[in-house]
């Protein structure tokens, strides 16, 4: 079979990586007297590797992480009540399969989003469909949607993804529609996927955040059934070297 025909077949089979390199591989095989099976195996390995890399890039783009962070980069010494081995368990595929949840609560600059992104990144690297969203931005998109169909197109991927990260849960503008939107999303994911939430408000304040205590209780009931809550305390990473005296600044 001539090379033009091989190239056409590879195009029809949608094997772009193999199509790019097969001529070079044939020449290499001829020089090194490689048998056909070894040549075919090498081509297929390259194709699979290329497809895996493309899928990973796609998953990372879909996740839309605000920055790159790993669990190894998190300074657990600043948070002695947080245990690295415990957080390692959230990097395992079983976290998603069990429909687990993690709620990270604390003031700004303590590493809540860092931990959330670290968990999400590792899950994405293992093939999970991960989505990262800032809660207020999500609510805005849903409220501004042009009808039920567009609203559904926004929420459906978040209901179905393996891991959903809801960042900055406490920073919500007052709106009576916010609670029902978030309840719909979280209840749809209950025992079907994992969820990580970061918040500057304690769970006891979520009724005020959502402007509906009953709805907040229903949300928490689903999150905490298979979930864990962690409180991060201490000095902000971003301000630790600034030596600010806020009272003097105010004066």
Protein backbone atom coordinates (compact mmCIF):
# COMPACT_ATOMS: atom_id res chain seq x y z
CA UNK A 1 0.00 0.00 0.00
CA UNK A 2 1.43 3.36 -0.97
CA UNK A 3 1.92 6.17 1.52
CA UNK A 4 -0.78 8.38 0.01
CA UNK A 5 -3.38 5.68 0.65
CA UNK A 6 -2.11 5.17 4.21
CA UNK A 7 -2.35 8.90 4.83
CA UNK A 8 -5.92 8.98 3.51
CA UNK A 9 -6.95 6.06 5.74
CA UNK A 10 -5.42 7.71 8.80
CA UNK A 11 -7.27 10.91 7.97
CA UNK A 12 -10.58 9.05 7.74
CA UNK A 13 -9.84 7.27 11.02
CA UNK A 14 -9.10 10.65 12.61
CA UNK A 15 -5.60 9.75 13.70
CA UNK A 16 -3.78 13.07 13.22
CA UNK A 17 -0.73 12.22 15.27
CA UNK A 18 -0.11 8.98 13.40
CA UNK A 19 -0.67 10.75 10.08
CA UNK A 20 2.01 13.29 10.99
CA UNK A 21 4.67 10.76 11.89
CA UNK A 22 4.03 7.53 9.96
CA UNK A 23 6.41 8.38 7.09
CA UNK A 24 9.23 9.08 9.50
CA UNK A 25 8.45 5.85 11.36
CA UNK A 26 8.50 3.82 8.13
CA UNK A 27 11.90 5.24 7.23
CA UNK A 28 13.18 4.57 10.74
CA UNK A 29 11.89 0.99 10.61
CA UNK A 30 13.64 0.42 7.29
CA UNK A 31 16.95 1.72 8.67
CA UNK A 32 16.72 -0.31 11.87
CA UNK A 33 15.15 -3.41 10.31
CA UNK A 34 12.16 -3.22 12.68
CA UNK A 35 9.36 -5.74 12.14
CA UNK A 36 5.84 -4.65 11.18
CA UNK A 37 4.32 -5.39 14.58
CA UNK A 38 6.84 -3.21 16.37
CA UNK A 39 6.29 -0.40 13.87
CA UNK A 40 2.50 -0.56 14.19
CA UNK A 41 2.76 -0.71 17.97
CA UNK A 42 5.00 2.35 18.03
CA UNK A 43 2.60 4.30 15.81
CA UNK A 44 -0.39 3.36 17.94
CA UNK A 45 1.41 4.28 21.16
CA UNK A 46 2.17 7.72 19.76
CA UNK A 47 -1.45 8.16 18.66
CA UNK A 48 -2.85 7.18 22.06
CA UNK A 49 -0.38 9.42 23.89
CA UNK A 50 -1.29 12.34 21.65
CA UNK A 51 -5.02 11.78 22.20
CA UNK A 52 -4.57 11.49 25.96
CA UNK A 53 -2.65 14.76 26.01
CA UNK A 54 -5.34 16.46 23.92
CA UNK A 55 -8.05 15.18 26.25
CA UNK A 56 -6.14 16.44 29.27
CA UNK A 57 -5.70 19.90 27.74
CA UNK A 58 -9.43 19.95 27.00
CA UNK A 59 -10.32 18.92 30.56
CA UNK A 60 -8.06 21.60 32.02
CA UNK A 61 -9.62 24.26 29.78
CA UNK A 62 -13.10 23.14 30.80
CA UNK A 63 -12.16 23.19 34.47
CA UNK A 64 -11.20 26.86 34.11
CA UNK A 65 -8.98 26.98 37.19
CA UNK A 66 -7.95 30.54 38.14
CA UNK A 67 -4.35 29.44 38.71
CA UNK A 68 -2.18 26.32 38.98
CA UNK A 69 -1.70 24.85 42.46
CA UNK A 70 -0.88 21.45 43.94
CA UNK A 71 -1.32 19.95 47.37
CA UNK A 72 2.48 19.79 47.71
CA UNK A 73 2.61 23.58 47.45
CA UNK A 74 0.21 24.09 50.35
CA UNK A 75 1.92 24.93 53.65
CA UNK A 76 0.21 22.64 56.14
CA UNK A 77 2.55 23.93 58.87
CA UNK A 78 0.50 27.14 58.93
CA UNK A 79 -2.65 25.09 59.53
CA UNK A 80 -1.75 22.37 62.05
CA UNK A 81 -5.38 21.28 62.38
CA UNK A 82 -5.44 20.31 58.71
CA UNK A 83 -3.88 16.93 57.99
CA UNK A 84 -2.10 16.34 54.69
CA UNK A 85 -2.93 12.57 54.69
CA UNK A 86 -6.64 13.42 54.99
CA UNK A 87 -6.52 15.81 52.05
CA UNK A 88 -4.63 13.19 50.04
CA UNK A 89 -7.78 11.07 50.15
CA UNK A 90 -9.63 13.76 48.17
CA UNK A 91 -7.16 13.24 45.33
CA UNK A 92 -8.34 9.65 44.88
CA UNK A 93 -11.01 8.75 42.28
CA UNK A 94 -13.12 7.31 45.12
CA UNK A 95 -13.84 10.86 46.29
CA UNK A 96 -15.90 11.43 43.15
CA UNK A 97 -17.37 7.93 43.02
CA UNK A 98 -18.69 8.25 46.57
CA UNK A 99 -20.23 11.68 45.91
CA UNK A 100 -18.07 13.26 48.59
CA UNK A 101 -17.95 16.91 49.57
CA UNK A 102 -15.49 19.29 51.19
CA UNK A 103 -16.37 22.69 52.65
CA UNK A 104 -13.45 25.04 53.31
CA UNK A 105 -14.28 27.99 55.54
CA UNK A 106 -12.09 30.93 56.46
CA UNK A 107 -11.12 34.52 55.89
CA UNK A 108 -9.54 35.62 52.59
CA UNK A 109 -5.93 34.67 51.94
CA UNK A 110 -5.75 31.47 53.99
CA UNK A 111 -5.51 29.01 51.10
CA UNK A 112 -9.09 27.80 50.66
CA UNK A 113 -9.05 28.24 46.89
CA UNK A 114 -5.53 26.80 46.73
CA UNK A 115 -6.74 23.57 48.32
CA UNK A 116 -9.82 23.45 46.10
CA UNK A 117 -7.77 23.93 42.93
CA UNK A 118 -5.21 21.33 44.08
CA UNK A 119 -7.97 18.74 44.54
CA UNK A 120 -9.56 19.65 41.23
CA UNK A 121 -6.30 19.60 39.30
CA UNK A 122 -5.36 16.12 40.46
CA UNK A 123 -8.82 14.78 39.71
CA UNK A 124 -8.65 16.31 36.21
CA UNK A 125 -5.23 14.74 35.66
CA UNK A 126 -6.82 11.37 36.44
CA UNK A 127 -9.50 11.93 33.82
CA UNK A 128 -12.38 13.46 35.77
CA UNK A 129 -14.62 16.16 34.37
CA UNK A 130 -13.95 19.07 36.74
CA UNK A 131 -15.56 22.52 36.74
CA UNK A 132 -14.46 25.54 38.77
CA UNK A 133 -16.88 28.45 39.15
CA UNK A 134 -17.15 31.53 41.33
CA UNK A 135 -20.62 31.36 42.81
CA UNK A 136 -21.68 34.96 42.22
CA UNK A 137 -20.48 34.83 38.60
CA UNK A 138 -22.49 31.64 38.09
CA UNK A 139 -25.63 33.13 39.64
CA UNK A 140 -25.24 36.21 37.45
CA UNK A 141 -24.99 34.08 34.32
CA UNK A 142 -28.10 32.11 35.24
CA UNK A 143 -30.13 35.20 36.11
CA UNK A 144 -29.08 36.89 32.88
CA UNK A 145 -29.86 33.83 30.74
CA UNK A 146 -32.26 34.37 27.86
CA UNK A 147 -34.94 31.88 28.82
CA UNK A 148 -35.07 28.34 30.30
CA UNK A 149 -33.06 26.74 27.46
CA UNK A 150 -30.04 28.99 27.97
CA UNK A 151 -30.30 28.61 31.74
CA UNK A 152 -30.29 24.84 31.33
CA UNK A 153 -27.24 24.99 29.05
CA UNK A 154 -25.38 26.77 31.85
CA UNK A 155 -26.43 24.44 34.68
CA UNK A 156 -26.50 21.04 32.96
CA UNK A 157 -22.69 20.60 32.65
CA UNK A 158 -22.33 21.59 36.32
CA UNK A 159 -24.93 19.07 37.43
CA UNK A 160 -23.26 16.25 35.52
CA UNK A 161 -19.52 16.89 36.01
CA UNK A 162 -17.52 14.60 38.25
CA UNK A 163 -16.25 17.37 40.53
CA UNK A 164 -17.76 20.82 40.94
CA UNK A 165 -15.83 23.54 42.80
CA UNK A 166 -18.00 26.42 44.05
CA UNK A 167 -15.65 29.22 45.04
CA UNK A 168 -16.47 32.21 47.26
CA UNK A 169 -19.85 30.94 48.43
CA UNK A 170 -20.11 33.67 51.06
CA UNK A 171 -19.74 36.57 48.63
CA UNK A 172 -23.28 36.67 47.31
CA UNK A 173 -25.37 39.75 46.58
CA UNK A 174 -28.89 39.65 48.07
CA UNK A 175 -31.27 38.02 45.62
CA UNK A 176 -34.22 35.75 46.38
CA UNK A 177 -33.43 33.61 43.33
CA UNK A 178 -29.91 32.72 44.45
CA UNK A 179 -30.95 30.09 47.00
CA UNK A 180 -33.20 28.11 44.64
CA UNK A 181 -30.53 28.15 41.91
CA UNK A 182 -27.88 26.73 44.22
CA UNK A 183 -30.26 24.26 45.83
CA UNK A 184 -31.26 22.93 42.41
CA UNK A 185 -27.61 22.50 41.47
CA UNK A 186 -26.46 20.85 44.69
CA UNK A 187 -29.49 18.58 45.06
CA UNK A 188 -29.06 17.38 41.46
CA UNK A 189 -25.47 16.40 42.27
CA UNK A 190 -26.31 14.63 45.54
CA UNK A 191 -24.56 11.22 45.60
CA UNK A 192 -23.77 11.58 41.88
CA UNK A 193 -20.60 13.66 41.97
CA UNK A 194 -18.19 15.36 44.34
CA UNK A 195 -18.42 19.00 45.40
CA UNK A 196 -15.90 21.39 46.96
CA UNK A 197 -17.10 24.69 48.39
CA UNK A 198 -15.03 27.59 49.69
CA UNK A 199 -16.67 30.22 51.86
CA UNK A 200 -15.76 33.13 54.10
CA UNK A 201 -19.00 32.50 56.01
CA UNK A 202 -19.54 29.67 58.50
CA UNK A 203 -22.26 27.15 57.70
CA UNK A 204 -24.37 28.74 60.44
CA UNK A 205 -24.47 31.93 58.37
CA UNK A 206 -25.56 30.29 55.12
CA UNK A 207 -29.22 30.98 55.88
CA UNK A 208 -28.42 34.69 55.82
CA UNK A 209 -26.28 34.31 52.70
CA UNK A 210 -29.12 32.56 50.83
CA UNK A 211 -31.84 34.65 52.49
CA UNK A 212 -33.69 31.45 53.36
CA UNK A 213 -32.80 29.37 56.42
CA UNK A 214 -34.88 26.37 55.36
CA UNK A 215 -33.25 26.29 51.95
CA UNK A 216 -29.79 26.64 53.49
CA UNK A 217 -30.55 23.68 55.77
CA UNK A 218 -31.61 21.60 52.77
CA UNK A 219 -28.39 22.52 50.95
CA UNK A 220 -26.26 21.66 53.98
CA UNK A 221 -28.12 18.39 54.53
CA UNK A 222 -27.02 17.18 51.10
CA UNK A 223 -23.49 18.56 51.31
CA UNK A 224 -22.68 17.30 54.79
CA UNK A 225 -24.21 13.82 54.43
CA UNK A 226 -21.01 12.63 52.72
CA UNK A 227 -18.96 15.74 53.41
CA UNK A 228 -16.36 17.29 55.70
CA UNK A 229 -16.02 20.87 56.92
CA UNK A 230 -12.66 22.50 57.60
CA UNK A 231 -12.01 25.89 59.19
CA UNK A 232 -8.87 27.72 58.14
CA UNK A 233 -7.59 30.30 60.58
CA UNK A 234 -4.58 32.56 60.83
CA UNK A 235 -2.92 35.35 58.91
CA UNK A 236 -3.53 35.92 55.22
CA UNK A 237 -0.79 34.62 52.94
CA UNK A 238 -1.12 37.76 50.86
CA UNK A 239 -0.69 40.11 53.82
CA UNK A 240 1.79 38.19 55.97
CA UNK A 241 4.79 40.21 54.77
CA UNK A 242 3.02 43.58 54.50
CA UNK A 243 3.20 44.52 58.19
CA UNK A 244 0.03 46.61 57.88
CA UNK A 245 -1.53 48.49 60.78
CA UNK A 246 -5.11 48.90 59.63
CA UNK A 247 -6.02 51.13 62.55
CA UNK A 248 -3.22 53.56 61.68
CA UNK A 249 -4.30 53.45 58.02
CA UNK A 250 -7.87 54.30 59.03
CA UNK A 251 -6.66 57.20 61.15
